[in-house]
Amino acid sequence: MTVGSAWRDGVRRVNSAPMVLLGMFSLTLFVALPLSIALRGLLAAHLGDSLFADTLALGTSYDWWQEFSAQAVGLGTTFVPSIIGFGAVLDNLSALVDNLPMATTVAGATAAWLVLWSFLSGGVLDRYARMRPTRAVGFFAACGTHFWRFFRIGLLAWLVYWVLFAFVHSWLFDDLYPWATRDMTAERSAFVVRVLCYLAFGTFLIVCNLVFDYARIRTVVEDRRSAIGSLVAGARFVWRHPATLRLYLVNGAVFILLALVYALVAPGAPGGLAIWIALALGQLYILLRHYVKLLFYASQVAYFQGTLAHAAYTAAPSVVWPDSPAAESIGNA
């Protein structure tokens, strides 16, 4: 299977399961809503009956924002100007590549989202692998079947990413970068070295992400039970099929294109009715970002099934429902 055909097949699989996309968007909203309500309470308590309350209903006051930020603690420290429009995208990207710590409250919500997604991702991959509706019973049966397998893979992933951010990132940006730029007088040259460090670290992240993605895919499609066995199989598949990296980069280019479009249409700090338009655009961007994330999974499943998922590499079909996705796919074919 070529990269192009796998990507197009992935688009068809995502489009054929709109409830999966809606469910993922609802999950993110469910996790973020309590934090939004708590932050609303902080803002209401700070404003009270002041004149700023009426002013802010019509627009944004930078002076008030600075005053609020100066006294904010906990969740309130996350209410900064960079959350507006495209600034939020850049802020998240900067926090990732520069290894900046999260606020405790946000880290807790992120951890909750990851646990819930770890549970649901088994059903998502199963749905895309079968290429047919599995209904709620089948979907959540797959979620329960693969949760603990994915949980063990997630622990291995956490260990690998911890090594990357704690040691590799520190070596690149705290040791190598100062050493490479210590005698440079041109800021442009130092910037190029910085970009090369970002590219090197990004390459490590992409390769690790690829291996863990295909480890999960092989767990579902081949009904594997060993986390280490799935990880080794995923790494072997990525090593033997360089097209997995090209497919990943194609999906990454789609995300970059989406981000650029959002940068063009996202408003700055609107007031009045424009606030609701900005909110709608932001939610649409989040929905499309989830679509791209699901496209990563669907296209990778399509590539794996089209390249390797045949009878010699799949687990024996179970005598009771559900069969492995690969066995059902072969039967349907």
Protein backbone atom coordinates (compact mmCIF):
# COMPACT_ATOMS: atom_id res chain seq x y z
CA MET A 1 0.00 0.00 0.00
CA THR A 2 1.29 3.45 -0.90
CA VAL A 3 1.30 6.42 1.47
CA GLY A 4 -1.29 8.24 -0.63
CA SER A 5 -3.72 5.33 -0.72
CA ALA A 6 -3.30 4.75 3.02
CA TRP A 7 -4.01 8.42 3.72
CA ARG A 8 -7.11 8.45 1.53
CA ASP A 9 -8.31 5.23 3.15
CA GLY A 10 -7.76 6.86 6.54
CA VAL A 11 -9.91 9.82 5.51
CA ARG A 12 -12.70 7.45 4.47
CA ARG A 13 -12.51 5.59 7.77
CA VAL A 14 -12.70 8.76 9.84
CA ASN A 15 -15.57 10.11 7.74
CA SER A 16 -17.46 6.83 8.10
CA ALA A 17 -17.42 7.10 11.91
CA PRO A 18 -18.63 10.62 12.81
CA MET A 19 -19.70 9.50 16.31
CA VAL A 20 -16.08 8.70 17.12
CA LEU A 21 -15.10 12.28 16.27
CA LEU A 22 -18.04 13.69 18.21
CA GLY A 23 -17.21 11.48 21.19
CA MET A 24 -13.60 12.62 21.24
CA PHE A 25 -14.63 16.28 21.08
CA SER A 26 -17.16 15.68 23.90
CA LEU A 27 -14.47 14.01 26.01
CA THR A 28 -12.21 17.06 25.71
CA LEU A 29 -15.12 19.36 26.55
CA PHE A 30 -16.05 17.17 29.54
CA VAL A 31 -12.51 17.36 30.95
CA ALA A 32 -12.06 21.10 30.28
CA LEU A 33 -15.48 22.28 31.47
CA PRO A 34 -14.82 22.02 35.24
CA LEU A 35 -11.65 24.10 34.85
CA SER A 36 -13.57 26.68 32.81
CA ILE A 37 -16.25 26.95 35.49
CA ALA A 38 -13.62 27.33 38.21
CA LEU A 39 -11.80 30.04 36.24
CA ARG A 40 -15.09 31.84 35.64
CA GLY A 41 -15.59 31.92 39.41
CA LEU A 42 -12.13 33.43 39.93
CA LEU A 43 -12.79 36.14 37.35
CA ALA A 44 -16.23 36.93 38.78
CA ALA A 45 -14.81 37.18 42.29
CA HIS A 46 -12.06 39.53 41.15
CA LEU A 47 -14.34 41.79 39.12
CA GLY A 48 -17.27 41.91 41.52
CA ASP A 49 -19.44 44.99 40.83
CA SER A 50 -16.58 47.12 39.54
CA LEU A 51 -16.75 49.28 36.43
CA PHE A 52 -14.28 46.94 34.78
CA ALA A 53 -17.00 44.27 34.65
CA ASP A 54 -19.04 46.40 32.23
CA THR A 55 -15.95 47.41 30.29
CA LEU A 56 -14.78 43.85 29.81
CA ALA A 57 -18.21 42.82 28.53
CA LEU A 58 -17.51 45.07 25.53
CA GLY A 59 -13.83 44.31 25.03
CA THR A 60 -10.51 43.41 26.63
CA SER A 61 -8.62 45.63 29.04
CA TYR A 62 -4.90 44.93 29.07
CA ASP A 63 -4.42 46.96 32.27
CA TRP A 64 -7.00 44.88 34.11
CA TRP A 65 -5.48 41.69 32.75
CA GLN A 66 -2.08 42.68 34.14
CA GLU A 67 -3.65 43.47 37.49
CA PHE A 68 -5.41 40.08 37.60
CA SER A 69 -2.24 38.20 36.58
CA ALA A 70 -0.21 39.91 39.30
CA GLN A 71 -2.39 38.51 42.08
CA ALA A 72 -3.44 35.22 40.44
CA VAL A 73 -2.54 31.87 41.97
CA GLY A 74 -3.23 28.29 40.95
CA LEU A 75 -5.58 28.03 38.00
CA GLY A 76 -5.71 31.82 37.63
CA THR A 77 -2.07 31.87 36.46
CA THR A 78 -3.14 30.16 33.24
CA PHE A 79 -5.39 33.09 32.27
CA VAL A 80 -2.80 34.96 30.20
CA PRO A 81 -3.02 36.90 26.90
CA SER A 82 -1.50 33.99 24.97
CA ILE A 83 -4.75 32.00 25.35
CA ILE A 84 -6.43 34.25 22.76
CA GLY A 85 -6.78 32.90 19.22
CA PHE A 86 -3.69 31.49 17.55
CA GLY A 87 -1.58 32.47 20.55
CA ALA A 88 -2.85 29.37 22.36
CA VAL A 89 -1.50 27.12 19.58
CA LEU A 90 1.94 28.76 19.70
CA ASP A 91 1.95 28.69 23.50
CA ASN A 92 1.26 24.94 23.58
CA LEU A 93 3.92 24.28 20.95
CA SER A 94 6.47 26.38 22.84
CA ALA A 95 5.70 24.58 26.09
CA LEU A 96 6.30 21.23 24.38
CA VAL A 97 9.58 21.93 22.58
CA ASP A 98 11.03 24.02 25.43
CA ASN A 99 9.95 21.50 28.09
CA LEU A 100 8.09 24.08 30.20
CA PRO A 101 6.26 22.78 33.30
CA MET A 102 2.45 22.75 33.33
CA ALA A 103 0.35 24.36 36.01
CA THR A 104 -0.67 21.73 38.56
CA THR A 105 -4.38 22.04 37.80
CA VAL A 106 -3.83 21.76 34.05
CA ALA A 107 -1.47 18.81 34.53
CA GLY A 108 -4.17 17.03 36.54
CA ALA A 109 -6.78 17.59 33.84
CA THR A 110 -4.30 16.45 31.18
CA ALA A 111 -3.59 13.26 33.12
CA ALA A 112 -7.33 12.59 33.44
CA TRP A 113 -7.76 13.11 29.70
CA LEU A 114 -4.91 10.71 28.93
CA VAL A 115 -6.39 7.97 31.13
CA LEU A 116 -9.82 8.36 29.51
CA TRP A 117 -8.30 8.43 26.05
CA SER A 118 -6.24 5.33 26.88
CA PHE A 119 -9.53 3.58 27.62
CA LEU A 120 -11.36 4.82 24.51
CA SER A 121 -8.51 4.46 22.03
CA GLY A 122 -8.85 0.68 21.97
CA GLY A 123 -12.42 1.03 20.73
CA VAL A 124 -11.38 3.74 18.24
CA LEU A 125 -8.64 1.61 16.69
CA ASP A 126 -10.93 -1.41 16.67
CA ARG A 127 -13.64 0.58 14.87
CA TYR A 128 -11.23 1.84 12.22
CA ALA A 129 -9.72 -1.62 11.74
CA ARG A 130 -13.11 -3.30 11.22
CA MET A 131 -14.35 -0.58 8.85
CA ARG A 132 -17.97 -1.06 9.94
CA PRO A 133 -20.17 0.20 12.79
CA THR A 134 -19.61 -1.79 15.99
CA ARG A 135 -22.35 -0.02 18.00
CA ALA A 136 -21.94 0.92 21.64
CA VAL A 137 -21.69 -2.66 22.91
CA GLY A 138 -18.93 -3.63 20.49
CA PHE A 139 -17.09 -0.33 20.89
CA PHE A 140 -16.93 -0.43 24.69
CA ALA A 141 -16.19 -4.16 24.67
CA ALA A 142 -13.07 -3.36 22.63
CA CYS A 143 -12.26 -0.49 25.02
CA GLY A 144 -12.38 -2.83 28.02
CA THR A 145 -10.45 -5.58 26.26
CA HIS A 146 -7.52 -3.37 25.33
CA PHE A 147 -7.44 -0.92 28.25
CA TRP A 148 -4.97 -2.75 30.47
CA ARG A 149 -2.82 -3.68 27.49
CA PHE A 150 -2.72 -0.02 26.46
CA PHE A 151 -2.13 0.99 30.08
CA ARG A 152 1.03 -1.12 30.18
CA ILE A 153 2.16 0.31 26.84
CA GLY A 154 1.41 3.78 28.26
CA LEU A 155 3.69 3.13 31.24
CA LEU A 156 6.51 2.19 28.86
CA ALA A 157 5.75 5.29 26.79
CA TRP A 158 5.86 7.49 29.90
CA LEU A 159 9.28 6.06 30.78
CA VAL A 160 10.65 6.72 27.29
CA TYR A 161 9.26 10.26 27.10
CA TRP A 162 10.56 11.00 30.59
CA VAL A 163 14.06 10.03 29.44
CA LEU A 164 13.66 12.21 26.34
CA PHE A 165 12.52 15.32 28.20
CA ALA A 166 14.65 14.87 31.32
CA PHE A 167 17.95 13.90 29.70
CA VAL A 168 17.97 14.23 25.89
CA HIS A 169 16.28 17.67 25.93
CA SER A 170 18.62 18.83 28.69
CA TRP A 171 21.68 17.61 26.80
CA LEU A 172 20.60 19.30 23.56
CA PHE A 173 19.54 22.68 24.94
CA ASP A 174 21.51 23.02 28.20
CA ASP A 175 24.80 21.44 27.12
CA LEU A 176 25.15 21.15 23.35
CA TYR A 177 23.51 24.47 22.37
CA PRO A 178 25.61 26.68 24.75
CA TRP A 179 28.77 24.82 23.67
CA ALA A 180 28.00 25.21 19.95
CA THR A 181 27.19 28.93 20.22
CA ARG A 182 29.77 30.06 22.80
CA ASP A 183 32.00 31.77 20.21
CA MET A 184 29.26 32.98 17.85
CA THR A 185 28.73 36.69 17.37
CA ALA A 186 25.88 36.54 14.85
CA GLU A 187 22.44 36.01 16.32
CA ARG A 188 21.29 34.43 13.05
CA SER A 189 23.88 31.66 13.37
CA ALA A 190 22.80 30.93 16.94
CA PHE A 191 19.20 30.79 15.78
CA VAL A 192 20.10 28.20 13.12
CA VAL A 193 21.78 26.03 15.76
CA ARG A 194 18.69 26.37 17.95
CA VAL A 195 16.46 25.27 15.07
CA LEU A 196 18.72 22.26 14.42
CA CYS A 197 18.38 21.28 18.09
CA TYR A 198 14.60 21.54 17.78
CA LEU A 199 14.68 19.36 14.66
CA ALA A 200 16.83 16.75 16.39
CA PHE A 201 14.56 16.61 19.43
CA GLY A 202 11.46 16.58 17.21
CA THR A 203 12.89 13.62 15.29
CA PHE A 204 13.30 11.67 18.53
CA LEU A 205 9.70 12.48 19.48
CA ILE A 206 8.31 11.48 16.08
CA VAL A 207 10.16 8.15 16.00
CA CYS A 208 9.02 7.28 19.53
CA ASN A 209 5.48 8.35 18.71
CA LEU A 210 5.50 6.15 15.60
CA VAL A 211 6.71 3.10 17.49
CA PHE A 212 4.09 3.45 20.22
CA ASP A 213 1.32 4.11 17.66
CA TYR A 214 2.09 0.92 15.76
CA ALA A 215 2.52 -0.99 19.01
CA ARG A 216 -1.09 -0.10 19.87
CA ILE A 217 -2.24 -0.90 16.34
CA ARG A 218 -0.61 -4.34 16.43
CA THR A 219 -2.14 -4.93 19.86
CA VAL A 220 -5.63 -4.37 18.46
CA VAL A 221 -5.36 -5.84 14.98
CA GLU A 222 -3.36 -8.92 15.99
CA ASP A 223 -4.97 -9.31 19.42
CA ARG A 224 -1.60 -9.16 21.18
CA ARG A 225 -1.49 -9.32 24.98
CA SER A 226 2.15 -8.54 25.74
CA ALA A 227 3.02 -4.84 25.95
CA ILE A 228 6.72 -5.51 25.38
CA GLY A 229 5.95 -7.86 22.49
CA SER A 230 3.70 -5.23 20.90
CA LEU A 231 6.38 -2.57 21.38
CA VAL A 232 9.06 -4.73 19.76
CA ALA A 233 6.69 -5.59 16.91
CA GLY A 234 5.81 -1.92 16.43
CA ALA A 235 9.47 -0.91 16.33
CA ARG A 236 10.22 -3.71 13.86
CA PHE A 237 7.39 -2.61 11.59
CA VAL A 238 8.53 1.03 11.62
CA TRP A 239 12.14 -0.01 10.95
CA ARG A 240 11.19 -2.22 7.99
CA HIS A 241 8.71 0.24 6.48
CA PRO A 242 10.18 3.77 6.16
CA ALA A 243 6.91 4.82 4.53
CA THR A 244 5.43 4.99 8.06
CA LEU A 245 7.50 8.13 8.58
CA ARG A 246 6.33 9.65 5.29
CA LEU A 247 2.71 8.95 6.21
CA TYR A 248 3.28 10.58 9.60
CA LEU A 249 4.78 13.65 7.92
CA VAL A 250 1.83 13.89 5.52
CA ASN A 251 -0.56 13.93 8.47
CA GLY A 252 1.70 16.41 10.22
CA ALA A 253 1.54 18.67 7.16
CA VAL A 254 -2.27 18.53 7.34
CA PHE A 255 -2.10 19.69 10.95
CA ILE A 256 0.27 22.53 10.05
CA LEU A 257 -2.06 23.62 7.25
CA LEU A 258 -4.99 23.60 9.69
CA ALA A 259 -2.98 25.69 12.16
CA LEU A 260 -2.04 28.21 9.46
CA VAL A 261 -5.65 28.60 8.37
CA TYR A 262 -6.67 29.14 11.99
CA ALA A 263 -3.91 31.74 12.36
CA LEU A 264 -5.43 33.67 9.46
CA VAL A 265 -9.04 33.61 10.67
CA ALA A 266 -8.64 33.62 14.46
CA PRO A 267 -9.49 37.04 15.95
CA GLY A 268 -7.36 38.83 18.49
CA ALA A 269 -9.26 40.11 21.52
CA PRO A 270 -12.82 40.83 20.33
CA GLY A 271 -15.67 42.24 22.33
CA GLY A 272 -19.46 42.05 22.28
CA LEU A 273 -20.95 39.69 19.71
CA ALA A 274 -17.52 39.03 18.21
CA ILE A 275 -16.62 37.14 21.39
CA TRP A 276 -19.15 34.45 20.50
CA ILE A 277 -17.80 34.28 16.95
CA ALA A 278 -14.30 33.84 18.32
CA LEU A 279 -15.56 31.11 20.65
CA ALA A 280 -17.25 29.29 17.75
CA LEU A 281 -14.09 29.49 15.62
CA GLY A 282 -12.03 28.17 18.52
CA GLN A 283 -14.35 25.20 19.02
CA LEU A 284 -14.35 24.49 15.29
CA TYR A 285 -10.55 24.47 15.34
CA ILE A 286 -10.54 22.02 18.27
CA LEU A 287 -13.00 19.77 16.43
CA LEU A 288 -10.85 19.79 13.29
CA ARG A 289 -7.72 19.20 15.35
CA HIS A 290 -9.37 16.07 16.76
CA TYR A 291 -10.23 15.06 13.21
CA VAL A 292 -6.55 15.28 12.28
CA LYS A 293 -5.57 13.27 15.37
CA LEU A 294 -8.03 10.54 14.39
CA LEU A 295 -6.70 10.72 10.83
CA PHE A 296 -3.26 9.83 12.18
CA TYR A 297 -4.68 6.65 13.73
CA ALA A 298 -6.99 5.70 10.85
CA SER A 299 -4.37 6.14 8.13
CA GLN A 300 -1.78 4.21 10.16
CA VAL A 301 -4.27 1.37 10.67
CA ALA A 302 -5.02 1.38 6.95
CA TYR A 303 -1.32 1.29 6.08
CA PHE A 304 -0.61 -1.54 8.50
CA GLN A 305 -3.53 -3.64 7.32
CA GLY A 306 -2.71 -3.00 3.69
CA THR A 307 0.97 -3.84 4.17
CA LEU A 308 1.23 -6.62 6.73
CA ALA A 309 -2.14 -7.68 8.09
CA HIS A 310 -2.68 -10.92 6.23
CA ALA A 311 -3.29 -14.47 7.43
CA ALA A 312 0.36 -15.28 8.13
CA TYR A 313 0.70 -12.39 10.57
CA THR A 314 -2.65 -12.24 12.33
CA ALA A 315 -3.89 -13.96 15.43
CA ALA A 316 -6.27 -16.89 15.11
CA PRO A 317 -9.92 -15.76 15.11
CA SER A 318 -11.70 -16.19 18.42
CA VAL A 319 -14.56 -18.69 18.60
CA VAL A 320 -16.70 -16.09 20.35
CA TRP A 321 -17.44 -12.46 19.51
CA PRO A 322 -15.53 -10.34 18.81
CA ASP A 323 -13.07 -11.70 16.30
CA SER A 324 -9.86 -9.79 15.84
CA PRO A 325 -10.28 -6.90 13.37
CA ALA A 326 -7.80 -8.52 11.01
CA ALA A 327 -9.71 -11.82 10.97
CA GLU A 328 -12.98 -10.04 10.27
CA SER A 329 -11.41 -7.90 7.56
CA ILE A 330 -10.02 -11.00 5.81
CA GLY A 331 -13.39 -12.72 6.10
CA ASN A 332 -15.22 -9.76 4.60
CA ALA A 333 -12.75 -9.53 1.75
